[in-house]
Structures are given as structure tokens and as C-alpha cells.
Full PDB file with SEQRES, HELIX, SHEET, SSBOND, CRYST1, ORIGX, SCALE, CONECT and MASTER records, all heavy atoms in Angstrom:
SEQRES   1 A   31  LYS ALA LEU ASP PHE LEU GLY CYS GLU ASN VAL ILE THR          
SEQRES   2 A   31  SER ASP SER ALA VAL ILE ASP SER ALA SER HIS ILE ILE          
SEQRES   3 A   31  LEU PRO GLY VAL GLY                                          
HELIX    1 AA1 ALA A    2  PHE A    5  1                                   4    
HELIX    2 AA2 SER A   16  SER A   21  1                                   6    
CRYST1    1.000    1.000    1.000  90.00  90.00  90.00 P 1           1          
ORIGX1      1.000000  0.000000  0.000000        0.00000                         
ORIGX2      0.000000  1.000000  0.000000        0.00000                         
ORIGX3      0.000000  0.000000  1.000000        0.00000                         
SCALE1      1.000000  0.000000  0.000000        0.00000                         
SCALE2      0.000000  1.000000  0.000000        0.00000                         
SCALE3      0.000000  0.000000  1.000000        0.00000                         
ATOM      1  N   LYS A   1     -63.407  17.094  21.029  1.00  0.00           N  
ATOM      2  CA  LYS A   1     -64.359  16.888  19.933  1.00  0.00           C  
ATOM      3  C   LYS A   1     -63.841  15.844  18.950  1.00  0.00           C  
ATOM      4  O   LYS A   1     -64.616  15.028  18.435  1.00  0.00           O  
ATOM      5  CB  LYS A   1     -64.632  18.206  19.217  1.00  0.00           C  
ATOM      6  CG  LYS A   1     -65.532  19.152  19.999  1.00  0.00           C  
ATOM      7  CD  LYS A   1     -65.752  20.453  19.239  1.00  0.00           C  
ATOM      8  CE  LYS A   1     -66.628  21.414  20.038  1.00  0.00           C  
ATOM      9  NZ  LYS A   1     -66.802  22.714  19.323  1.00  0.00           N  
ATOM     10  N   ALA A   2     -62.543  15.864  18.667  1.00  0.00           N  
ATOM     11  CA  ALA A   2     -61.968  14.878  17.756  1.00  0.00           C  
ATOM     12  C   ALA A   2     -62.077  13.470  18.347  1.00  0.00           C  
ATOM     13  O   ALA A   2     -62.433  12.517  17.649  1.00  0.00           O  
ATOM     14  CB  ALA A   2     -60.510  15.220  17.450  1.00  0.00           C  
ATOM     15  N   LEU A   3     -61.801  13.346  19.634  1.00  0.00           N  
ATOM     16  CA  LEU A   3     -61.907  12.030  20.288  1.00  0.00           C  
ATOM     17  C   LEU A   3     -63.354  11.578  20.361  1.00  0.00           C  
ATOM     18  O   LEU A   3     -63.656  10.390  20.172  1.00  0.00           O  
ATOM     19  CB  LEU A   3     -61.283  12.086  21.682  1.00  0.00           C  
ATOM     20  CG  LEU A   3     -59.772  12.332  21.728  1.00  0.00           C  
ATOM     21  CD1 LEU A   3     -59.296  12.424  23.179  1.00  0.00           C  
ATOM     22  CD2 LEU A   3     -59.010  11.239  21.002  1.00  0.00           C  
ATOM     23  N   ASP A   4     -64.260  12.526  20.631  1.00  0.00           N  
ATOM     24  CA  ASP A   4     -65.688  12.190  20.633  1.00  0.00           C  
ATOM     25  C   ASP A   4     -66.108  11.658  19.259  1.00  0.00           C  
ATOM     26  O   ASP A   4     -66.856  10.680  19.164  1.00  0.00           O  
ATOM     27  CB  ASP A   4     -66.534  13.420  20.977  1.00  0.00           C  
ATOM     28  CG  ASP A   4     -66.426  13.841  22.438  1.00  0.00           C  
ATOM     29  OD1 ASP A   4     -65.938  13.036  23.261  1.00  0.00           O  
ATOM     30  OD2 ASP A   4     -66.828  14.982  22.750  1.00  0.00           O  
ATOM     31  N   PHE A   5     -65.621  12.306  18.208  1.00  0.00           N  
ATOM     32  CA  PHE A   5     -65.955  11.894  16.839  1.00  0.00           C  
ATOM     33  C   PHE A   5     -65.483  10.462  16.576  1.00  0.00           C  
ATOM     34  O   PHE A   5     -66.150   9.694  15.867  1.00  0.00           O  
ATOM     35  CB  PHE A   5     -65.320  12.849  15.830  1.00  0.00           C  
ATOM     36  CG  PHE A   5     -65.629  12.527  14.405  1.00  0.00           C  
ATOM     37  CD1 PHE A   5     -66.806  12.954  13.817  1.00  0.00           C  
ATOM     38  CD2 PHE A   5     -64.731  11.776  13.629  1.00  0.00           C  
ATOM     39  CE1 PHE A   5     -67.101  12.651  12.487  1.00  0.00           C  
ATOM     40  CE2 PHE A   5     -65.013  11.467  12.314  1.00  0.00           C  
ATOM     41  CZ  PHE A   5     -66.203  11.908  11.742  1.00  0.00           C  
ATOM     42  N   LEU A   6     -64.340  10.118  17.163  1.00  0.00           N  
ATOM     43  CA  LEU A   6     -63.786   8.766  17.001  1.00  0.00           C  
ATOM     44  C   LEU A   6     -64.457   7.747  17.908  1.00  0.00           C  
ATOM     45  O   LEU A   6     -64.132   6.555  17.853  1.00  0.00           O  
ATOM     46  CB  LEU A   6     -62.274   8.783  17.266  1.00  0.00           C  
ATOM     47  CG  LEU A   6     -61.420   9.529  16.240  1.00  0.00           C  
ATOM     48  CD1 LEU A   6     -59.996   9.707  16.764  1.00  0.00           C  
ATOM     49  CD2 LEU A   6     -61.413   8.801  14.904  1.00  0.00           C  
ATOM     50  N   GLY A   7     -65.395   8.211  18.748  1.00  0.00           N  
ATOM     51  CA  GLY A   7     -66.102   7.316  19.657  1.00  0.00           C  
ATOM     52  C   GLY A   7     -65.264   6.871  20.838  1.00  0.00           C  
ATOM     53  O   GLY A   7     -65.517   5.809  21.428  1.00  0.00           O  
ATOM     54  N   CYS A   8     -64.290   7.681  21.203  1.00  0.00           N  
ATOM     55  CA  CYS A   8     -63.362   7.328  22.279  1.00  0.00           C  
ATOM     56  C   CYS A   8     -63.775   8.001  23.589  1.00  0.00           C  
ATOM     57  O   CYS A   8     -63.961   9.222  23.639  1.00  0.00           O  
ATOM     58  CB  CYS A   8     -61.953   7.769  21.892  1.00  0.00           C  
ATOM     59  SG  CYS A   8     -60.739   7.556  23.180  1.00  0.00           S  
ATOM     60  N   GLU A   9     -63.905   7.223  24.644  1.00  0.00           N  
ATOM     61  CA  GLU A   9     -64.212   7.786  25.961  1.00  0.00           C  
ATOM     62  C   GLU A   9     -63.057   8.682  26.400  1.00  0.00           C  
ATOM     63  O   GLU A   9     -61.886   8.288  26.332  1.00  0.00           O  
ATOM     64  CB  GLU A   9     -64.418   6.672  26.985  1.00  0.00           C  
ATOM     65  CG  GLU A   9     -64.792   7.166  28.379  1.00  0.00           C  
ATOM     66  CD  GLU A   9     -64.911   6.054  29.390  1.00  0.00           C  
ATOM     67  OE1 GLU A   9     -64.655   4.889  29.029  1.00  0.00           O  
ATOM     68  OE2 GLU A   9     -65.230   6.348  30.556  1.00  0.00           O  
ATOM     69  N   ASN A  10     -63.377   9.899  26.828  1.00  0.00           N  
ATOM     70  CA  ASN A  10     -62.322  10.822  27.215  1.00  0.00           C  
ATOM     71  C   ASN A  10     -62.837  11.817  28.237  1.00  0.00           C  
ATOM     72  O   ASN A  10     -64.052  12.015  28.381  1.00  0.00           O  
ATOM     73  CB  ASN A  10     -61.774  11.555  25.985  1.00  0.00           C  
ATOM     74  CG  ASN A  10     -62.798  12.452  25.327  1.00  0.00           C  
ATOM     75  OD1 ASN A  10     -62.933  13.627  25.668  1.00  0.00           O  
ATOM     76  ND2 ASN A  10     -63.569  11.905  24.373  1.00  0.00           N  
ATOM     77  N   VAL A  11     -61.905  12.453  28.937  1.00  0.00           N  
ATOM     78  CA  VAL A  11     -62.270  13.448  29.939  1.00  0.00           C  
ATOM     79  C   VAL A  11     -61.192  14.516  29.998  1.00  0.00           C  
ATOM     80  O   VAL A  11     -60.002  14.218  29.877  1.00  0.00           O  
ATOM     81  CB  VAL A  11     -62.459  12.789  31.327  1.00  0.00           C  
ATOM     82  CG1 VAL A  11     -61.163  12.148  31.820  1.00  0.00           C  
ATOM     83  CG2 VAL A  11     -62.959  13.806  32.357  1.00  0.00           C  
ATOM     84  N   ILE A  12     -61.605  15.764  30.128  1.00  0.00           N  
ATOM     85  CA  ILE A  12     -60.683  16.871  30.392  1.00  0.00           C  
ATOM     86  C   ILE A  12     -60.518  16.978  31.887  1.00  0.00           C  
ATOM     87  O   ILE A  12     -61.511  17.100  32.625  1.00  0.00           O  
ATOM     88  CB  ILE A  12     -61.223  18.186  29.812  1.00  0.00           C  
ATOM     89  CG1 ILE A  12     -61.279  18.113  28.283  1.00  0.00           C  
ATOM     90  CG2 ILE A  12     -60.352  19.371  30.242  1.00  0.00           C  
ATOM     91  CD1 ILE A  12     -61.979  19.289  27.632  1.00  0.00           C  
ATOM     92  N   THR A  13     -59.295  16.910  32.387  1.00  0.00           N  
ATOM     93  CA  THR A  13     -59.108  16.852  33.830  1.00  0.00           C  
ATOM     94  C   THR A  13     -57.776  17.446  34.274  1.00  0.00           C  
ATOM     95  O   THR A  13     -56.795  17.419  33.536  1.00  0.00           O  
ATOM     96  CB  THR A  13     -59.193  15.383  34.315  1.00  0.00           C  
ATOM     97  OG1 THR A  13     -59.068  15.334  35.746  1.00  0.00           O  
ATOM     98  CG2 THR A  13     -58.083  14.530  33.697  1.00  0.00           C  
ATOM     99  N   SER A  14     -57.753  17.967  35.491  1.00  0.00           N  
ATOM    100  CA  SER A  14     -56.509  18.373  36.148  1.00  0.00           C  
ATOM    101  C   SER A  14     -56.304  17.556  37.422  1.00  0.00           C  
ATOM    102  O   SER A  14     -55.453  17.892  38.252  1.00  0.00           O  
ATOM    103  CB  SER A  14     -56.542  19.865  36.476  1.00  0.00           C  
ATOM    104  OG  SER A  14     -57.658  20.177  37.291  1.00  0.00           O  
ATOM    105  N   ASP A  15     -57.072  16.478  37.574  1.00  0.00           N  
ATOM    106  CA  ASP A  15     -57.020  15.611  38.750  1.00  0.00           C  
ATOM    107  C   ASP A  15     -55.947  14.546  38.544  1.00  0.00           C  
ATOM    108  O   ASP A  15     -56.051  13.711  37.641  1.00  0.00           O  
ATOM    109  CB  ASP A  15     -58.392  14.962  38.958  1.00  0.00           C  
ATOM    110  CG  ASP A  15     -58.480  14.157  40.244  1.00  0.00           C  
ATOM    111  OD1 ASP A  15     -57.489  13.503  40.617  1.00  0.00           O  
ATOM    112  OD2 ASP A  15     -59.566  14.166  40.861  1.00  0.00           O  
ATOM    113  N   SER A  16     -54.919  14.574  39.375  1.00  0.00           N  
ATOM    114  CA  SER A  16     -53.809  13.632  39.219  1.00  0.00           C  
ATOM    115  C   SER A  16     -54.267  12.184  39.305  1.00  0.00           C  
ATOM    116  O   SER A  16     -53.752  11.319  38.574  1.00  0.00           O  
ATOM    117  CB  SER A  16     -52.739  13.899  40.280  1.00  0.00           C  
ATOM    118  OG  SER A  16     -52.075  15.122  40.036  1.00  0.00           O  
ATOM    119  N   ALA A  17     -55.232  11.897  40.181  1.00  0.00           N  
ATOM    120  CA  ALA A  17     -55.708  10.518  40.326  1.00  0.00           C  
ATOM    121  C   ALA A  17     -56.375  10.038  39.047  1.00  0.00           C  
ATOM    122  O   ALA A  17     -56.198   8.881  38.636  1.00  0.00           O  
ATOM    123  CB  ALA A  17     -56.680  10.417  41.500  1.00  0.00           C  
ATOM    124  N   VAL A  18     -57.139  10.914  38.396  1.00  0.00           N  
ATOM    125  CA  VAL A  18     -57.793  10.550  37.135  1.00  0.00           C  
ATOM    126  C   VAL A  18     -56.749  10.338  36.040  1.00  0.00           C  
ATOM    127  O   VAL A  18     -56.829   9.378  35.262  1.00  0.00           O  
ATOM    128  CB  VAL A  18     -58.806  11.639  36.716  1.00  0.00           C  
ATOM    129  CG1 VAL A  18     -59.371  11.349  35.328  1.00  0.00           C  
ATOM    130  CG2 VAL A  18     -59.931  11.743  37.734  1.00  0.00           C  
ATOM    131  N   ILE A  19     -55.772  11.216  35.984  1.00  0.00           N  
ATOM    132  CA  ILE A  19     -54.703  11.087  34.986  1.00  0.00           C  
ATOM    133  C   ILE A  19     -53.930   9.790  35.206  1.00  0.00           C  
ATOM    134  O   ILE A  19     -53.648   9.048  34.263  1.00  0.00           O  
ATOM    135  CB  ILE A  19     -53.765  12.304  35.037  1.00  0.00           C  
ATOM    136  CG1 ILE A  19     -54.533  13.580  34.664  1.00  0.00           C  
ATOM    137  CG2 ILE A  19     -52.558  12.106  34.107  1.00  0.00           C  
ATOM    138  CD1 ILE A  19     -53.804  14.863  34.987  1.00  0.00           C  
ATOM    139  N   ASP A  20     -53.617   9.484  36.462  1.00  0.00           N  
ATOM    140  CA  ASP A  20     -52.867   8.265  36.784  1.00  0.00           C  
ATOM    141  C   ASP A  20     -53.631   7.008  36.378  1.00  0.00           C  
ATOM    142  O   ASP A  20     -53.031   6.000  35.991  1.00  0.00           O  
ATOM    143  CB  ASP A  20     -52.556   8.209  38.280  1.00  0.00           C  
ATOM    144  CG  ASP A  20     -51.439   9.147  38.706  1.00  0.00           C  
ATOM    145  OD1 ASP A  20     -50.648   9.568  37.836  1.00  0.00           O  
ATOM    146  OD2 ASP A  20     -51.355   9.468  39.905  1.00  0.00           O  
ATOM    147  N   SER A  21     -54.961   7.056  36.487  1.00  0.00           N  
ATOM    148  CA  SER A  21     -55.757   5.862  36.220  1.00  0.00           C  
ATOM    149  C   SER A  21     -56.166   5.718  34.751  1.00  0.00           C  
ATOM    150  O   SER A  21     -56.677   4.662  34.352  1.00  0.00           O  
ATOM    151  CB  SER A  21     -57.017   5.874  37.094  1.00  0.00           C  
ATOM    152  OG  SER A  21     -57.870   6.943  36.735  1.00  0.00           O  
ATOM    153  N   ALA A  22     -55.952   6.754  33.946  1.00  0.00           N  
ATOM    154  CA  ALA A  22     -56.346   6.714  32.543  1.00  0.00           C  
ATOM    155  C   ALA A  22     -55.484   5.716  31.765  1.00  0.00           C  
ATOM    156  O   ALA A  22     -54.324   5.474  32.111  1.00  0.00           O  
ATOM    157  CB  ALA A  22     -56.220   8.098  31.920  1.00  0.00           C  
ATOM    158  N   SER A  23     -56.056   5.155  30.701  1.00  0.00           N  
ATOM    159  CA  SER A  23     -55.297   4.228  29.858  1.00  0.00           C  
ATOM    160  C   SER A  23     -54.390   4.965  28.881  1.00  0.00           C  
ATOM    161  O   SER A  23     -53.345   4.455  28.474  1.00  0.00           O  
ATOM    162  CB  SER A  23     -56.255   3.319  29.084  1.00  0.00           C  
ATOM    163  OG  SER A  23     -57.078   4.080  28.215  1.00  0.00           O  
ATOM    164  N   HIS A  24     -54.808   6.173  28.467  1.00  0.00           N  
ATOM    165  CA  HIS A  24     -54.065   7.013  27.524  1.00  0.00           C  
ATOM    166  C   HIS A  24     -54.097   8.453  28.031  1.00  0.00           C  
ATOM    167  O   HIS A  24     -55.086   8.868  28.645  1.00  0.00           O  
ATOM    168  CB  HIS A  24     -54.709   6.995  26.137  1.00  0.00           C  
ATOM    169  CG  HIS A  24     -54.710   5.667  25.463  1.00  0.00           C  
ATOM    170  ND1 HIS A  24     -55.393   4.573  25.966  1.00  0.00           N  
ATOM    171  CD2 HIS A  24     -54.127   5.251  24.291  1.00  0.00           C  
ATOM    172  CE1 HIS A  24     -55.220   3.542  25.142  1.00  0.00           C  
ATOM    173  NE2 HIS A  24     -54.462   3.920  24.120  1.00  0.00           N  
ATOM    174  N   ILE A  25     -53.046   9.212  27.754  1.00  0.00           N  
ATOM    175  CA  ILE A  25     -52.974  10.600  28.223  1.00  0.00           C  
ATOM    176  C   ILE A  25     -52.569  11.498  27.067  1.00  0.00           C  
ATOM    177  O   ILE A  25     -51.668  11.167  26.282  1.00  0.00           O  
ATOM    178  CB  ILE A  25     -51.958  10.762  29.372  1.00  0.00           C  
ATOM    179  CG1 ILE A  25     -52.397   9.946  30.589  1.00  0.00           C  
ATOM    180  CG2 ILE A  25     -51.806  12.217  29.771  1.00  0.00           C  
ATOM    181  CD1 ILE A  25     -51.738   8.620  30.698  1.00  0.00           C  
ATOM    182  N   ILE A  26     -53.250  12.655  26.969  1.00  0.00           N  
ATOM    183  CA  ILE A  26     -52.886  13.682  25.990  1.00  0.00           C  
ATOM    184  C   ILE A  26     -52.532  14.968  26.721  1.00  0.00           C  
ATOM    185  O   ILE A  26     -53.274  15.414  27.607  1.00  0.00           O  
ATOM    186  CB  ILE A  26     -54.030  13.946  24.994  1.00  0.00           C  
ATOM    187  CG1 ILE A  26     -54.260  12.720  24.114  1.00  0.00           C  
ATOM    188  CG2 ILE A  26     -53.716  15.162  24.117  1.00  0.00           C  
ATOM    189  CD1 ILE A  26     -55.384  12.869  23.098  1.00  0.00           C  
ATOM    190  N   LEU A  27     -51.397  15.556  26.355  1.00  0.00           N  
ATOM    191  CA  LEU A  27     -50.963  16.851  26.877  1.00  0.00           C  
ATOM    192  C   LEU A  27     -51.057  17.857  25.741  1.00  0.00           C  
ATOM    193  O   LEU A  27     -50.180  17.927  24.882  1.00  0.00           O  
ATOM    194  CB  LEU A  27     -49.523  16.777  27.390  1.00  0.00           C  
ATOM    195  CG  LEU A  27     -48.922  18.082  27.929  1.00  0.00           C  
ATOM    196  CD1 LEU A  27     -49.618  18.492  29.228  1.00  0.00           C  
ATOM    197  CD2 LEU A  27     -47.419  17.922  28.163  1.00  0.00           C  
ATOM    198  N   PRO A  28     -52.152  18.626  25.687  1.00  0.00           N  
ATOM    199  CA  PRO A  28     -52.301  19.624  24.624  1.00  0.00           C  
ATOM    200  C   PRO A  28     -51.645  20.941  25.036  1.00  0.00           C  
ATOM    201  O   PRO A  28     -51.008  21.021  26.096  1.00  0.00           O  
ATOM    202  CB  PRO A  28     -53.815  19.772  24.513  1.00  0.00           C  
ATOM    203  CG  PRO A  28     -54.298  19.533  25.914  1.00  0.00           C  
ATOM    204  CD  PRO A  28     -53.304  18.609  26.581  1.00  0.00           C  
ATOM    205  N   GLY A  29     -51.813  21.977  24.230  1.00  0.00           N  
ATOM    206  CA  GLY A  29     -51.295  23.268  24.657  1.00  0.00           C  
ATOM    207  C   GLY A  29     -51.128  24.272  23.550  1.00  0.00           C  
ATOM    208  O   GLY A  29     -50.714  23.932  22.445  1.00  0.00           O  
ATOM    209  N   VAL A  30     -51.479  25.488  23.849  1.00  0.00           N  
ATOM    210  CA  VAL A  30     -51.149  26.651  23.031  1.00  0.00           C  
ATOM    211  C   VAL A  30     -50.706  27.740  23.993  1.00  0.00           C  
ATOM    212  O   VAL A  30     -51.058  27.720  25.166  1.00  0.00           O  
ATOM    213  CB  VAL A  30     -52.359  27.130  22.189  1.00  0.00           C  
ATOM    214  CG1 VAL A  30     -52.749  26.089  21.167  1.00  0.00           C  
ATOM    215  CG2 VAL A  30     -53.548  27.473  23.074  1.00  0.00           C  
ATOM    216  N   GLY A  31     -49.908  28.686  23.509  1.00  0.00           N  
ATOM    217  CA  GLY A  31     -49.449  29.755  24.388  1.00  0.00           C  
ATOM    218  C   GLY A  31     -47.958  29.675  24.622  1.00  0.00           C  
ATOM    219  O   GLY A  31     -47.226  29.033  23.865  1.00  0.00           O  
TER     220      GLY A  31                                                      
MASTER        0    0    0    2    0    0    0    6  219    1    0    3          
END                                                                             
């Protein structure tokens, strides 16, 4: 939602190929 607000194209993914091809990567986490 924060990235959407900033107008930044983004995707939530667990696909290694998508992660490898992305220009930027975020590793979030709670727990």
C-alpha cells in the first residue's frame, strides 16, 4: 500500500524468477 501510494510498480511474490528480474527488492517480515 505504501509503494502504491508512491506510484511505484510493485508485486508480492515468492517466484525466484520474478525476484531475480526485479529492479528493487524488499524483504519484509514480522514473527
